[in-house]
Full PDB file with SEQRES, HELIX, SHEET, SSBOND, CRYST1, ORIGX, SCALE, CONECT and MASTER records, all heavy atoms in Angstrom:
SEQRES   1 A   43  GLN GLU LYS VAL ILE GLY ILE ALA SER ALA MET VAL MET          
SEQRES   2 A   43  HIS ASP SER GLY PHE HIS PHE HIS LYS THR LYS ALA GLN          
SEQRES   3 A   43  LEU LEU TYR ALA PRO SER GLY CYS MET THR VAL THR THR          
SEQRES   4 A   43  SER ASP ARG GLN                                              
CRYST1    1.000    1.000    1.000  90.00  90.00  90.00 P 1           1          
ORIGX1      1.000000  0.000000  0.000000        0.00000                         
ORIGX2      0.000000  1.000000  0.000000        0.00000                         
ORIGX3      0.000000  0.000000  1.000000        0.00000                         
SCALE1      1.000000  0.000000  0.000000        0.00000                         
SCALE2      0.000000  1.000000  0.000000        0.00000                         
SCALE3      0.000000  0.000000  1.000000        0.00000                         
ATOM      1  N   GLN A   1      23.672 -17.061 -20.907  1.00  0.00           N  
ATOM      2  CA  GLN A   1      23.778 -18.260 -21.733  1.00  0.00           C  
ATOM      3  C   GLN A   1      24.845 -19.247 -21.267  1.00  0.00           C  
ATOM      4  O   GLN A   1      24.774 -20.439 -21.580  1.00  0.00           O  
ATOM      5  CB  GLN A   1      24.068 -17.863 -23.192  1.00  0.00           C  
ATOM      6  CG  GLN A   1      22.964 -17.039 -23.824  1.00  0.00           C  
ATOM      7  CD  GLN A   1      21.634 -17.778 -23.846  1.00  0.00           C  
ATOM      8  OE1 GLN A   1      21.573 -18.947 -24.210  1.00  0.00           O  
ATOM      9  NE2 GLN A   1      20.570 -17.096 -23.432  1.00  0.00           N  
ATOM     10  N   GLU A   2      25.851 -18.775 -20.531  1.00  0.00           N  
ATOM     11  CA  GLU A   2      26.938 -19.677 -20.143  1.00  0.00           C  
ATOM     12  C   GLU A   2      26.423 -20.852 -19.321  1.00  0.00           C  
ATOM     13  O   GLU A   2      25.457 -20.727 -18.576  1.00  0.00           O  
ATOM     14  CB  GLU A   2      28.010 -18.907 -19.355  1.00  0.00           C  
ATOM     15  CG  GLU A   2      28.647 -17.767 -20.127  1.00  0.00           C  
ATOM     16  CD  GLU A   2      29.268 -18.208 -21.440  1.00  0.00           C  
ATOM     17  OE1 GLU A   2      29.697 -19.367 -21.542  1.00  0.00           O  
ATOM     18  OE2 GLU A   2      29.319 -17.396 -22.381  1.00  0.00           O  
ATOM     19  N   LYS A   3      27.113 -21.991 -19.433  1.00  0.00           N  
ATOM     20  CA  LYS A   3      26.642 -23.206 -18.766  1.00  0.00           C  
ATOM     21  C   LYS A   3      26.949 -23.233 -17.270  1.00  0.00           C  
ATOM     22  O   LYS A   3      26.307 -23.964 -16.519  1.00  0.00           O  
ATOM     23  CB  LYS A   3      27.247 -24.431 -19.448  1.00  0.00           C  
ATOM     24  CG  LYS A   3      26.735 -24.641 -20.868  1.00  0.00           C  
ATOM     25  CD  LYS A   3      27.258 -25.940 -21.451  1.00  0.00           C  
ATOM     26  CE  LYS A   3      26.665 -26.175 -22.838  1.00  0.00           C  
ATOM     27  NZ  LYS A   3      27.122 -27.468 -23.415  1.00  0.00           N  
ATOM     28  N   VAL A   4      27.935 -22.448 -16.841  1.00  0.00           N  
ATOM     29  CA  VAL A   4      28.292 -22.379 -15.420  1.00  0.00           C  
ATOM     30  C   VAL A   4      28.452 -20.905 -15.036  1.00  0.00           C  
ATOM     31  O   VAL A   4      29.259 -20.201 -15.624  1.00  0.00           O  
ATOM     32  CB  VAL A   4      29.592 -23.148 -15.121  1.00  0.00           C  
ATOM     33  CG1 VAL A   4      29.909 -23.072 -13.629  1.00  0.00           C  
ATOM     34  CG2 VAL A   4      29.493 -24.603 -15.566  1.00  0.00           C  
ATOM     35  N   ILE A   5      27.665 -20.461 -14.045  1.00  0.00           N  
ATOM     36  CA  ILE A   5      27.687 -19.058 -13.611  1.00  0.00           C  
ATOM     37  C   ILE A   5      27.808 -19.022 -12.096  1.00  0.00           C  
ATOM     38  O   ILE A   5      26.978 -19.589 -11.392  1.00  0.00           O  
ATOM     39  CB  ILE A   5      26.382 -18.331 -14.001  1.00  0.00           C  
ATOM     40  CG1 ILE A   5      26.082 -18.486 -15.489  1.00  0.00           C  
ATOM     41  CG2 ILE A   5      26.455 -16.860 -13.618  1.00  0.00           C  
ATOM     42  CD1 ILE A   5      24.626 -18.238 -15.815  1.00  0.00           C  
ATOM     43  N   GLY A   6      28.823 -18.355 -11.590  1.00  0.00           N  
ATOM     44  CA  GLY A   6      28.986 -18.228 -10.152  1.00  0.00           C  
ATOM     45  C   GLY A   6      28.801 -16.791  -9.703  1.00  0.00           C  
ATOM     46  O   GLY A   6      29.225 -15.858 -10.387  1.00  0.00           O  
ATOM     47  N   ILE A   7      28.144 -16.616  -8.562  1.00  0.00           N  
ATOM     48  CA  ILE A   7      28.005 -15.279  -7.993  1.00  0.00           C  
ATOM     49  C   ILE A   7      28.351 -15.307  -6.507  1.00  0.00           C  
ATOM     50  O   ILE A   7      28.227 -16.337  -5.845  1.00  0.00           O  
ATOM     51  CB  ILE A   7      26.589 -14.685  -8.182  1.00  0.00           C  
ATOM     52  CG1 ILE A   7      25.542 -15.527  -7.446  1.00  0.00           C  
ATOM     53  CG2 ILE A   7      26.245 -14.564  -9.650  1.00  0.00           C  
ATOM     54  CD1 ILE A   7      24.156 -14.889  -7.445  1.00  0.00           C  
ATOM     55  N   ALA A   8      28.792 -14.172  -5.995  1.00  0.00           N  
ATOM     56  CA  ALA A   8      29.140 -14.036  -4.575  1.00  0.00           C  
ATOM     57  C   ALA A   8      28.635 -12.697  -4.083  1.00  0.00           C  
ATOM     58  O   ALA A   8      28.615 -11.709  -4.822  1.00  0.00           O  
ATOM     59  CB  ALA A   8      30.653 -14.129  -4.391  1.00  0.00           C  
ATOM     60  N   SER A   9      28.216 -12.665  -2.820  1.00  0.00           N  
ATOM     61  CA  SER A   9      27.735 -11.421  -2.247  1.00  0.00           C  
ATOM     62  C   SER A   9      27.734 -11.529  -0.730  1.00  0.00           C  
ATOM     63  O   SER A   9      27.628 -12.630  -0.184  1.00  0.00           O  
ATOM     64  CB  SER A   9      26.313 -11.120  -2.734  1.00  0.00           C  
ATOM     65  OG  SER A   9      25.850  -9.886  -2.242  1.00  0.00           O  
ATOM     66  N   ALA A  10      27.873 -10.406  -0.061  1.00  0.00           N  
ATOM     67  CA  ALA A  10      27.675 -10.326   1.385  1.00  0.00           C  
ATOM     68  C   ALA A  10      26.301  -9.702   1.604  1.00  0.00           C  
ATOM     69  O   ALA A  10      26.048  -8.587   1.164  1.00  0.00           O  
ATOM     70  CB  ALA A  10      28.758  -9.479   2.038  1.00  0.00           C  
ATOM     71  N   MET A  11      25.399 -10.445   2.242  1.00  0.00           N  
ATOM     72  CA  MET A  11      24.020  -9.988   2.394  1.00  0.00           C  
ATOM     73  C   MET A  11      23.599 -10.042   3.854  1.00  0.00           C  
ATOM     74  O   MET A  11      24.157 -10.786   4.654  1.00  0.00           O  
ATOM     75  CB  MET A  11      23.066 -10.864   1.566  1.00  0.00           C  
ATOM     76  CG  MET A  11      23.259 -10.793   0.073  1.00  0.00           C  
ATOM     77  SD  MET A  11      21.951 -11.726  -0.767  1.00  0.00           S  
ATOM     78  CE  MET A  11      22.421 -11.486  -2.479  1.00  0.00           C  
ATOM     79  N   VAL A  12      22.548  -9.283   4.161  1.00  0.00           N  
ATOM     80  CA  VAL A  12      21.971  -9.303   5.502  1.00  0.00           C  
ATOM     81  C   VAL A  12      20.468  -9.043   5.376  1.00  0.00           C  
ATOM     82  O   VAL A  12      20.025  -8.297   4.499  1.00  0.00           O  
ATOM     83  CB  VAL A  12      22.640  -8.252   6.413  1.00  0.00           C  
ATOM     84  CG1 VAL A  12      22.407  -6.848   5.894  1.00  0.00           C  
ATOM     85  CG2 VAL A  12      22.149  -8.381   7.849  1.00  0.00           C  
ATOM     86  N   MET A  13      19.671  -9.704   6.214  1.00  0.00           N  
ATOM     87  CA  MET A  13      18.215  -9.527   6.227  1.00  0.00           C  
ATOM     88  C   MET A  13      17.623  -9.703   4.829  1.00  0.00           C  
ATOM     89  O   MET A  13      17.009  -8.794   4.267  1.00  0.00           O  
ATOM     90  CB  MET A  13      17.856  -8.149   6.787  1.00  0.00           C  
ATOM     91  CG  MET A  13      18.322  -7.917   8.202  1.00  0.00           C  
ATOM     92  SD  MET A  13      17.539  -9.033   9.408  1.00  0.00           S  
ATOM     93  CE  MET A  13      15.863  -8.455   9.392  1.00  0.00           C  
ATOM     94  N   HIS A  14      17.789 -10.888   4.282  1.00  0.00           N  
ATOM     95  CA  HIS A  14      17.372 -11.139   2.899  1.00  0.00           C  
ATOM     96  C   HIS A  14      16.187 -12.097   2.849  1.00  0.00           C  
ATOM     97  O   HIS A  14      16.117 -13.062   3.603  1.00  0.00           O  
ATOM     98  CB  HIS A  14      18.548 -11.748   2.125  1.00  0.00           C  
ATOM     99  CG  HIS A  14      18.215 -12.144   0.723  1.00  0.00           C  
ATOM    100  ND1 HIS A  14      17.996 -11.224  -0.286  1.00  0.00           N  
ATOM    101  CD2 HIS A  14      18.064 -13.370   0.152  1.00  0.00           C  
ATOM    102  CE1 HIS A  14      17.733 -11.867  -1.418  1.00  0.00           C  
ATOM    103  NE2 HIS A  14      17.757 -13.164  -1.169  1.00  0.00           N  
ATOM    104  N   ASP A  15      15.247 -11.819   1.950  1.00  0.00           N  
ATOM    105  CA  ASP A  15      14.130 -12.725   1.670  1.00  0.00           C  
ATOM    106  C   ASP A  15      13.933 -12.726   0.160  1.00  0.00           C  
ATOM    107  O   ASP A  15      13.507 -11.736  -0.425  1.00  0.00           O  
ATOM    108  CB  ASP A  15      12.865 -12.244   2.387  1.00  0.00           C  
ATOM    109  CG  ASP A  15      11.668 -13.166   2.144  1.00  0.00           C  
ATOM    110  OD1 ASP A  15      11.785 -14.121   1.349  1.00  0.00           O  
ATOM    111  OD2 ASP A  15      10.606 -12.923   2.752  1.00  0.00           O  
ATOM    112  N   SER A  16      14.252 -13.846  -0.467  1.00  0.00           N  
ATOM    113  CA  SER A  16      14.171 -13.921  -1.931  1.00  0.00           C  
ATOM    114  C   SER A  16      12.738 -14.019  -2.429  1.00  0.00           C  
ATOM    115  O   SER A  16      12.462 -13.760  -3.597  1.00  0.00           O  
ATOM    116  CB  SER A  16      14.958 -15.132  -2.435  1.00  0.00           C  
ATOM    117  OG  SER A  16      14.275 -16.338  -2.112  1.00  0.00           O  
ATOM    118  N   GLY A  17      11.811 -14.437  -1.552  1.00  0.00           N  
ATOM    119  CA  GLY A  17      10.460 -14.757  -2.006  1.00  0.00           C  
ATOM    120  C   GLY A  17      10.476 -16.066  -2.770  1.00  0.00           C  
ATOM    121  O   GLY A  17      11.530 -16.548  -3.207  1.00  0.00           O  
ATOM    122  N   PHE A  18       9.324 -16.689  -2.933  1.00  0.00           N  
ATOM    123  CA  PHE A  18       9.258 -17.942  -3.682  1.00  0.00           C  
ATOM    124  C   PHE A  18       9.526 -17.674  -5.160  1.00  0.00           C  
ATOM    125  O   PHE A  18       8.961 -16.744  -5.747  1.00  0.00           O  
ATOM    126  CB  PHE A  18       7.891 -18.608  -3.506  1.00  0.00           C  
ATOM    127  CG  PHE A  18       7.739 -19.340  -2.199  1.00  0.00           C  
ATOM    128  CD1 PHE A  18       6.976 -18.808  -1.177  1.00  0.00           C  
ATOM    129  CD2 PHE A  18       8.390 -20.549  -1.993  1.00  0.00           C  
ATOM    130  CE1 PHE A  18       6.846 -19.478   0.030  1.00  0.00           C  
ATOM    131  CE2 PHE A  18       8.264 -21.220  -0.796  1.00  0.00           C  
ATOM    132  CZ  PHE A  18       7.495 -20.689   0.229  1.00  0.00           C  
ATOM    133  N   HIS A  19      10.382 -18.475  -5.755  1.00  0.00           N  
ATOM    134  CA  HIS A  19      10.743 -18.314  -7.156  1.00  0.00           C  
ATOM    135  C   HIS A  19      11.334 -19.625  -7.664  1.00  0.00           C  
ATOM    136  O   HIS A  19      11.540 -20.565  -6.898  1.00  0.00           O  
ATOM    137  CB  HIS A  19      11.758 -17.181  -7.327  1.00  0.00           C  
ATOM    138  CG  HIS A  19      13.085 -17.474  -6.704  1.00  0.00           C  
ATOM    139  ND1 HIS A  19      13.302 -17.456  -5.342  1.00  0.00           N  
ATOM    140  CD2 HIS A  19      14.287 -17.813  -7.251  1.00  0.00           C  
ATOM    141  CE1 HIS A  19      14.559 -17.773  -5.081  1.00  0.00           C  
ATOM    142  NE2 HIS A  19      15.180 -17.989  -6.218  1.00  0.00           N  
ATOM    143  N   PHE A  20      11.607 -19.682  -8.955  1.00  0.00           N  
ATOM    144  CA  PHE A  20      12.300 -20.843  -9.523  1.00  0.00           C  
ATOM    145  C   PHE A  20      13.091 -20.378 -10.736  1.00  0.00           C  
ATOM    146  O   PHE A  20      12.884 -19.291 -11.262  1.00  0.00           O  
ATOM    147  CB  PHE A  20      11.322 -21.958  -9.899  1.00  0.00           C  
ATOM    148  CG  PHE A  20      10.366 -21.602 -11.005  1.00  0.00           C  
ATOM    149  CD1 PHE A  20      10.666 -21.910 -12.328  1.00  0.00           C  
ATOM    150  CD2 PHE A  20       9.166 -20.965 -10.732  1.00  0.00           C  
ATOM    151  CE1 PHE A  20       9.789 -21.584 -13.357  1.00  0.00           C  
ATOM    152  CE2 PHE A  20       8.278 -20.630 -11.745  1.00  0.00           C  
ATOM    153  CZ  PHE A  20       8.593 -20.937 -13.059  1.00  0.00           C  
ATOM    154  N   HIS A  21      14.021 -21.218 -11.156  1.00  0.00           N  
ATOM    155  CA  HIS A  21      14.852 -20.918 -12.315  1.00  0.00           C  
ATOM    156  C   HIS A  21      14.442 -21.861 -13.451  1.00  0.00           C  
ATOM    157  O   HIS A  21      14.489 -23.084 -13.300  1.00  0.00           O  
ATOM    158  CB  HIS A  21      16.325 -21.081 -11.965  1.00  0.00           C  
ATOM    159  CG  HIS A  21      16.712 -20.309 -10.737  1.00  0.00           C  
ATOM    160  ND1 HIS A  21      16.790 -18.932 -10.714  1.00  0.00           N  
ATOM    161  CD2 HIS A  21      17.010 -20.717  -9.474  1.00  0.00           C  
ATOM    162  CE1 HIS A  21      17.116 -18.534  -9.498  1.00  0.00           C  
ATOM    163  NE2 HIS A  21      17.256 -19.592  -8.729  1.00  0.00           N  
ATOM    164  N   LYS A  22      14.051 -21.281 -14.559  1.00  0.00           N  
ATOM    165  CA  LYS A  22      13.485 -22.078 -15.657  1.00  0.00           C  
ATOM    166  C   LYS A  22      14.501 -22.996 -16.316  1.00  0.00           C  
ATOM    167  O   LYS A  22      14.195 -24.128 -16.670  1.00  0.00           O  
ATOM    168  CB  LYS A  22      12.897 -21.139 -16.718  1.00  0.00           C  
ATOM    169  CG  LYS A  22      11.722 -20.311 -16.242  1.00  0.00           C  
ATOM    170  CD  LYS A  22      11.234 -19.398 -17.348  1.00  0.00           C  
ATOM    171  CE  LYS A  22      10.079 -18.522 -16.893  1.00  0.00           C  
ATOM    172  NZ  LYS A  22       9.625 -17.597 -17.958  1.00  0.00           N  
ATOM    173  N   THR A  23      15.725 -22.503 -16.507  1.00  0.00           N  
ATOM    174  CA  THR A  23      16.698 -23.253 -17.314  1.00  0.00           C  
ATOM    175  C   THR A  23      17.982 -23.600 -16.563  1.00  0.00           C  
ATOM    176  O   THR A  23      18.898 -24.149 -17.147  1.00  0.00           O  
ATOM    177  CB  THR A  23      17.080 -22.440 -18.559  1.00  0.00           C  
ATOM    178  OG1 THR A  23      17.732 -21.217 -18.151  1.00  0.00           O  
ATOM    179  CG2 THR A  23      15.851 -22.110 -19.393  1.00  0.00           C  
ATOM    180  N   LYS A  24      18.050 -23.263 -15.277  1.00  0.00           N  
ATOM    181  CA  LYS A  24      19.286 -23.457 -14.524  1.00  0.00           C  
ATOM    182  C   LYS A  24      19.027 -24.217 -13.223  1.00  0.00           C  
ATOM    183  O   LYS A  24      18.065 -23.948 -12.504  1.00  0.00           O  
ATOM    184  CB  LYS A  24      19.914 -22.096 -14.171  1.00  0.00           C  
ATOM    185  CG  LYS A  24      20.368 -21.257 -15.369  1.00  0.00           C  
ATOM    186  CD  LYS A  24      21.663 -21.782 -15.947  1.00  0.00           C  
ATOM    187  CE  LYS A  24      22.327 -20.771 -16.880  1.00  0.00           C  
ATOM    188  NZ  LYS A  24      21.515 -20.363 -18.018  1.00  0.00           N  
ATOM    189  N   ALA A  25      19.909 -25.176 -12.935  1.00  0.00           N  
ATOM    190  CA  ALA A  25      19.974 -25.749 -11.596  1.00  0.00           C  
ATOM    191  C   ALA A  25      20.865 -24.842 -10.761  1.00  0.00           C  
ATOM    192  O   ALA A  25      21.687 -24.090 -11.296  1.00  0.00           O  
ATOM    193  CB  ALA A  25      20.545 -27.160 -11.647  1.00  0.00           C  
ATOM    194  N   GLN A  26      20.723 -24.917  -9.439  1.00  0.00           N  
ATOM    195  CA  GLN A  26      21.450 -23.990  -8.571  1.00  0.00           C  
ATOM    196  C   GLN A  26      22.119 -24.730  -7.418  1.00  0.00           C  
ATOM    197  O   GLN A  26      21.513 -25.597  -6.788  1.00  0.00           O  
ATOM    198  CB  GLN A  26      20.490 -22.942  -8.003  1.00  0.00           C  
ATOM    199  CG  GLN A  26      21.148 -21.912  -7.090  1.00  0.00           C  
ATOM    200  CD  GLN A  26      20.154 -20.928  -6.510  1.00  0.00           C  
ATOM    201  OE1 GLN A  26      18.933 -21.134  -6.589  1.00  0.00           O  
ATOM    202  NE2 GLN A  26      20.635 -19.853  -5.918  1.00  0.00           N  
ATOM    203  N   LEU A  27      23.353 -24.359  -7.143  1.00  0.00           N  
ATOM    204  CA  LEU A  27      24.051 -24.808  -5.940  1.00  0.00           C  
ATOM    205  C   LEU A  27      24.108 -23.621  -4.997  1.00  0.00           C  
ATOM    206  O   LEU A  27      24.662 -22.576  -5.332  1.00  0.00           O  
ATOM    207  CB  LEU A  27      25.458 -25.290  -6.273  1.00  0.00           C  
ATOM    208  CG  LEU A  27      26.325 -25.673  -5.061  1.00  0.00           C  
ATOM    209  CD1 LEU A  27      25.733 -26.873  -4.354  1.00  0.00           C  
ATOM    210  CD2 LEU A  27      27.759 -25.956  -5.487  1.00  0.00           C  
ATOM    211  N   LEU A  28      23.539 -23.768  -3.816  1.00  0.00           N  
ATOM    212  CA  LEU A  28      23.444 -22.675  -2.854  1.00  0.00           C  
ATOM    213  C   LEU A  28      24.312 -22.994  -1.642  1.00  0.00           C  
ATOM    214  O   LEU A  28      24.217 -24.089  -1.067  1.00  0.00           O  
ATOM    215  CB  LEU A  28      21.988 -22.510  -2.433  1.00  0.00           C  
ATOM    216  CG  LEU A  28      21.597 -21.300  -1.586  1.00  0.00           C  
ATOM    217  CD1 LEU A  28      21.920 -20.006  -2.322  1.00  0.00           C  
ATOM    218  CD2 LEU A  28      20.102 -21.365  -1.267  1.00  0.00           C  
ATOM    219  N   TYR A  29      25.142 -22.022  -1.238  1.00  0.00           N  
ATOM    220  CA  TYR A  29      26.099 -22.277  -0.160  1.00  0.00           C  
ATOM    221  C   TYR A  29      26.510 -20.965   0.507  1.00  0.00           C  
ATOM    222  O   TYR A  29      26.544 -19.914  -0.138  1.00  0.00           O  
ATOM    223  CB  TYR A  29      27.343 -22.970  -0.738  1.00  0.00           C  
ATOM    224  CG  TYR A  29      28.465 -23.148   0.243  1.00  0.00           C  
ATOM    225  CD1 TYR A  29      28.299 -23.914   1.398  1.00  0.00           C  
ATOM    226  CD2 TYR A  29      29.711 -22.546   0.032  1.00  0.00           C  
ATOM    227  CE1 TYR A  29      29.338 -24.070   2.305  1.00  0.00           C  
ATOM    228  CE2 TYR A  29      30.741 -22.706   0.930  1.00  0.00           C  
ATOM    229  CZ  TYR A  29      30.550 -23.465   2.067  1.00  0.00           C  
ATOM    230  OH  TYR A  29      31.572 -23.606   2.970  1.00  0.00           O  
ATOM    231  N   ALA A  30      26.814 -21.037   1.806  1.00  0.00           N  
ATOM    232  CA  ALA A  30      27.318 -19.868   2.541  1.00  0.00           C  
ATOM    233  C   ALA A  30      28.506 -20.288   3.397  1.00  0.00           C  
ATOM    234  O   ALA A  30      28.327 -21.046   4.352  1.00  0.00           O  
ATOM    235  CB  ALA A  30      26.232 -19.270   3.422  1.00  0.00           C  
ATOM    236  N   PRO A  31      29.731 -19.852   3.066  1.00  0.00           N  
ATOM    237  CA  PRO A  31      30.892 -20.216   3.881  1.00  0.00           C  
ATOM    238  C   PRO A  31      30.863 -19.597   5.272  1.00  0.00           C  
ATOM    239  O   PRO A  31      31.575 -20.050   6.170  1.00  0.00           O  
ATOM    240  CB  PRO A  31      32.076 -19.697   3.070  1.00  0.00           C  
ATOM    241  CG  PRO A  31      31.515 -18.650   2.169  1.00  0.00           C  
ATOM    242  CD  PRO A  31      30.123 -19.077   1.877  1.00  0.00           C  
ATOM    243  N   SER A  32      30.034 -18.575   5.479  1.00  0.00           N  
ATOM    244  CA  SER A  32      29.811 -18.051   6.824  1.00  0.00           C  
ATOM    245  C   SER A  32      28.374 -17.547   6.907  1.00  0.00           C  
ATOM    246  O   SER A  32      27.803 -17.081   5.927  1.00  0.00           O  
ATOM    247  CB  SER A  32      30.790 -16.925   7.159  1.00  0.00           C  
ATOM    248  OG  SER A  32      30.581 -15.798   6.338  1.00  0.00           O  
ATOM    249  N   GLY A  33      27.784 -17.681   8.088  1.00  0.00           N  
ATOM    250  CA  GLY A  33      26.380 -17.351   8.252  1.00  0.00           C  
ATOM    251  C   GLY A  33      25.508 -18.574   8.035  1.00  0.00           C  
ATOM    252  O   GLY A  33      26.010 -19.684   7.836  1.00  0.00           O  
ATOM    253  N   CYS A  34      24.207 -18.377   8.084  1.00  0.00           N  
ATOM    254  CA  CYS A  34      23.270 -19.504   7.965  1.00  0.00           C  
ATOM    255  C   CYS A  34      22.032 -19.064   7.200  1.00  0.00           C  
ATOM    256  O   CYS A  34      21.469 -17.998   7.473  1.00  0.00           O  
ATOM    257  CB  CYS A  34      22.882 -19.996   9.364  1.00  0.00           C  
ATOM    258  SG  CYS A  34      22.050 -21.603   9.371  1.00  0.00           S  
ATOM    259  N   MET A  35      21.603 -19.881   6.243  1.00  0.00           N  
ATOM    260  CA  MET A  35      20.426 -19.593   5.441  1.00  0.00           C  
ATOM    261  C   MET A  35      19.299 -20.567   5.764  1.00  0.00           C  
ATOM    262  O   MET A  35      19.544 -21.719   6.100  1.00  0.00           O  
ATOM    263  CB  MET A  35      20.767 -19.705   3.949  1.00  0.00           C  
ATOM    264  CG  MET A  35      21.761 -18.680   3.469  1.00  0.00           C  
ATOM    265  SD  MET A  35      22.037 -18.735   1.673  1.00  0.00           S  
ATOM    266  CE  MET A  35      23.201 -20.110   1.557  1.00  0.00           C  
ATOM    267  N   THR A  36      18.075 -20.085   5.653  1.00  0.00           N  
ATOM    268  CA  THR A  36      16.893 -20.939   5.746  1.00  0.00           C  
ATOM    269  C   THR A  36      16.283 -21.035   4.355  1.00  0.00           C  
ATOM    270  O   THR A  36      16.067 -20.017   3.701  1.00  0.00           O  
ATOM    271  CB  THR A  36      15.849 -20.340   6.705  1.00  0.00           C  
ATOM    272  OG1 THR A  36      16.437 -20.132   7.980  1.00  0.00           O  
ATOM    273  CG2 THR A  36      14.658 -21.277   6.856  1.00  0.00           C  
ATOM    274  N   VAL A  37      16.024 -22.238   3.905  1.00  0.00           N  
ATOM    275  CA  VAL A  37      15.428 -22.441   2.582  1.00  0.00           C  
ATOM    276  C   VAL A  37      14.087 -23.144   2.747  1.00  0.00           C  
ATOM    277  O   VAL A  37      13.986 -24.156   3.450  1.00  0.00           O  
ATOM    278  CB  VAL A  37      16.346 -23.267   1.673  1.00  0.00           C  
ATOM    279  CG1 VAL A  37      15.707 -23.445   0.291  1.00  0.00           C  
ATOM    280  CG2 VAL A  37      17.714 -22.600   1.531  1.00  0.00           C  
ATOM    281  N   THR A  38      13.066 -22.601   2.113  1.00  0.00           N  
ATOM    282  CA  THR A  38      11.727 -23.178   2.165  1.00  0.00           C  
ATOM    283  C   THR A  38      11.298 -23.531   0.748  1.00  0.00           C  
ATOM    284  O   THR A  38      11.470 -22.729  -0.170  1.00  0.00           O  
ATOM    285  CB  THR A  38      10.721 -22.179   2.774  1.00  0.00           C  
ATOM    286  OG1 THR A  38      11.236 -21.672   4.004  1.00  0.00           O  
ATOM    287  CG2 THR A  38       9.392 -22.851   3.024  1.00  0.00           C  
ATOM    288  N   THR A  39      10.743 -24.726   0.582  1.00  0.00           N  
ATOM    289  CA  THR A  39      10.160 -25.128  -0.697  1.00  0.00           C  
ATOM    290  C   THR A  39       8.645 -25.167  -0.529  1.00  0.00           C  
ATOM    291  O   THR A  39       8.112 -24.660   0.458  1.00  0.00           O  
ATOM    292  CB  THR A  39      10.683 -26.507  -1.137  1.00  0.00           C  
ATOM    293  OG1 THR A  39      10.140 -27.516  -0.265  1.00  0.00           O  
ATOM    294  CG2 THR A  39      12.206 -26.551  -1.078  1.00  0.00           C  
ATOM    295  N   SER A  40       7.964 -25.767  -1.467  1.00  0.00           N  
ATOM    296  CA  SER A  40       6.506 -25.825  -1.384  1.00  0.00           C  
ATOM    297  C   SER A  40       6.026 -26.651  -0.201  1.00  0.00           C  
ATOM    298  O   SER A  40       4.899 -26.470   0.272  1.00  0.00           O  
ATOM    299  CB  SER A  40       5.932 -26.414  -2.678  1.00  0.00           C  
ATOM    300  OG  SER A  40       6.469 -27.712  -2.903  1.00  0.00           O  
ATOM    301  N   ASP A  41       6.886 -27.548   0.306  1.00  0.00           N  
ATOM    302  CA  ASP A  41       6.406 -28.421   1.387  1.00  0.00           C  
ATOM    303  C   ASP A  41       7.413 -28.707   2.496  1.00  0.00           C  
ATOM    304  O   ASP A  41       7.148 -29.525   3.365  1.00  0.00           O  
ATOM    305  CB  ASP A  41       5.943 -29.752   0.792  1.00  0.00           C  
ATOM    306  CG  ASP A  41       7.087 -30.559   0.182  1.00  0.00           C  
ATOM    307  OD1 ASP A  41       8.196 -29.998  -0.003  1.00  0.00           O  
ATOM    308  OD2 ASP A  41       6.877 -31.751  -0.095  1.00  0.00           O  
ATOM    309  N   ARG A  42       8.573 -28.029   2.504  1.00  0.00           N  
ATOM    310  CA  ARG A  42       9.560 -28.320   3.536  1.00  0.00           C  
ATOM    311  C   ARG A  42      10.447 -27.113   3.802  1.00  0.00           C  
ATOM    312  O   ARG A  42      10.516 -26.187   3.010  1.00  0.00           O  
ATOM    313  CB  ARG A  42      10.421 -29.521   3.143  1.00  0.00           C  
ATOM    314  CG  ARG A  42      11.119 -29.347   1.817  1.00  0.00           C  
ATOM    315  CD  ARG A  42      11.709 -30.650   1.315  1.00  0.00           C  
ATOM    316  NE  ARG A  42      11.621 -30.729  -0.131  1.00  0.00           N  
ATOM    317  CZ  ARG A  42      12.153 -31.696  -0.862  1.00  0.00           C  
ATOM    318  NH1 ARG A  42      12.818 -32.660  -0.283  1.00  0.00           N  
ATOM    319  NH2 ARG A  42      12.005 -31.715  -2.165  1.00  0.00           N  
ATOM    320  N   GLN A  43      11.130 -27.193   4.936  1.00  0.00           N  
ATOM    321  CA  GLN A  43      12.071 -26.152   5.323  1.00  0.00           C  
ATOM    322  C   GLN A  43      13.369 -26.804   5.774  1.00  0.00           C  
ATOM    323  O   GLN A  43      13.352 -27.867   6.400  1.00  0.00           O  
ATOM    324  CB  GLN A  43      11.485 -25.320   6.466  1.00  0.00           C  
ATOM    325  CG  GLN A  43      12.403 -24.234   6.988  1.00  0.00           C  
ATOM    326  CD  GLN A  43      11.745 -23.441   8.096  1.00  0.00           C  
ATOM    327  OE1 GLN A  43      10.873 -22.611   7.843  1.00  0.00           O  
ATOM    328  NE2 GLN A  43      12.136 -23.693   9.329  1.00  0.00           N  
TER     329      GLN A  43                                                      
MASTER        0    0    0    0    0    0    0    6  328    1    0    4          
END                                                                             
């Protein structure tokens, strides 16, 4: 329920699958490493 939620993790070989968040906007960032993000029409 909180209006601001932060999470941190060290991950490797990750695939979230296509998904969406119904009630939350998301800020996605990695201070080290590189992520690929795909939407319905772009990468």
